[in-house]
Protein backbone atom coordinates (compact mmCIF):
# COMPACT_ATOMS: atom_id res chain seq x y z
CA MET A 1 -32.14 7.54 -103.12
CA TRP A 2 -31.98 10.91 -101.33
CA VAL A 3 -30.28 9.59 -98.25
CA GLY A 4 -27.70 7.76 -100.39
CA ILE A 5 -26.96 11.08 -101.88
CA LEU A 6 -26.65 12.97 -98.75
CA ALA A 7 -24.62 10.55 -97.21
CA VAL A 8 -22.14 10.76 -100.05
CA LEU A 9 -22.39 14.38 -99.75
CA ALA A 10 -21.65 14.63 -95.65
CA VAL A 11 -18.68 11.89 -95.92
CA THR A 12 -17.11 13.98 -98.85
CA ALA A 13 -17.27 17.25 -96.85
CA LEU A 14 -16.38 15.63 -93.69
CA HIS A 15 -13.54 13.99 -95.39
CA GLY A 16 -12.31 17.47 -96.74
CA THR A 17 -12.92 18.93 -93.17
CA ILE A 18 -10.73 16.49 -91.47
CA THR A 19 -7.70 16.58 -93.86
CA THR A 20 -7.66 20.46 -94.08
CA ASP A 21 -8.44 21.67 -90.30
CA PRO A 22 -7.87 18.84 -87.94
CA HIS A 23 -9.10 21.12 -85.18
CA GLY A 24 -12.44 21.43 -87.11
CA ALA A 25 -12.95 17.96 -87.35
CA GLY A 26 -14.42 17.64 -83.73
CA TYR A 27 -16.72 20.94 -84.53
CA ALA A 28 -18.11 19.11 -87.73
CA LEU A 29 -18.89 15.88 -85.99
CA LEU A 30 -20.70 17.98 -83.13
CA ALA A 31 -22.50 19.71 -86.16
CA VAL A 32 -23.26 16.67 -87.60
CA ALA A 33 -24.74 15.53 -84.11
CA VAL A 34 -26.94 18.71 -83.70
CA THR A 35 -28.16 18.09 -87.42
CA VAL A 36 -29.51 14.71 -86.56
CA GLY A 37 -30.66 15.78 -83.34
CA ALA A 38 -32.77 18.57 -84.62
CA HIS A 39 -34.00 16.34 -87.74
CA LEU A 40 -35.56 13.80 -85.07
CA ALA A 41 -36.59 16.52 -82.72
CA PHE A 42 -38.39 18.81 -85.15
CA GLY A 43 -40.58 16.54 -86.80
CA ARG A 44 -37.97 15.73 -89.76
CA ARG A 45 -37.73 19.39 -91.24
CA THR A 46 -34.58 19.20 -93.01
CA ILE A 47 -33.97 23.01 -93.77
CA LEU A 48 -34.30 23.54 -89.71
CA SER A 49 -31.79 20.77 -88.90
CA VAL A 50 -29.21 21.43 -91.58
CA GLY A 51 -29.80 25.27 -90.77
CA ALA A 52 -29.17 24.50 -87.23
CA GLY A 53 -26.11 22.09 -87.69
CA THR A 54 -24.50 24.89 -89.93
CA ALA A 55 -25.25 27.68 -87.33
CA VAL A 56 -23.25 25.40 -84.60
CA TYR A 57 -20.27 24.51 -86.91
CA VAL A 58 -19.67 28.27 -87.73
CA VAL A 59 -20.26 29.77 -84.48
CA LEU A 60 -17.66 26.70 -83.01
CA LEU A 61 -15.31 27.64 -85.69
CA ASN A 62 -15.43 31.28 -85.35
CA ALA A 63 -15.67 31.47 -81.37
CA LEU A 64 -12.92 28.77 -80.63
């Protein structure tokens, strides 16, 4: 059940990002990849993986 809720949330957030800021779409997809990678690499620690993905997205969005 939690996976479905998170999937709907992720799709909704990505759709909003893609429609409002086309440059941010690539950054958002990269952040999703970092989130999934961190989640699988660090023993499925949700807070760590979401934090890493969010940090990557914010840094990319503000730096580039």
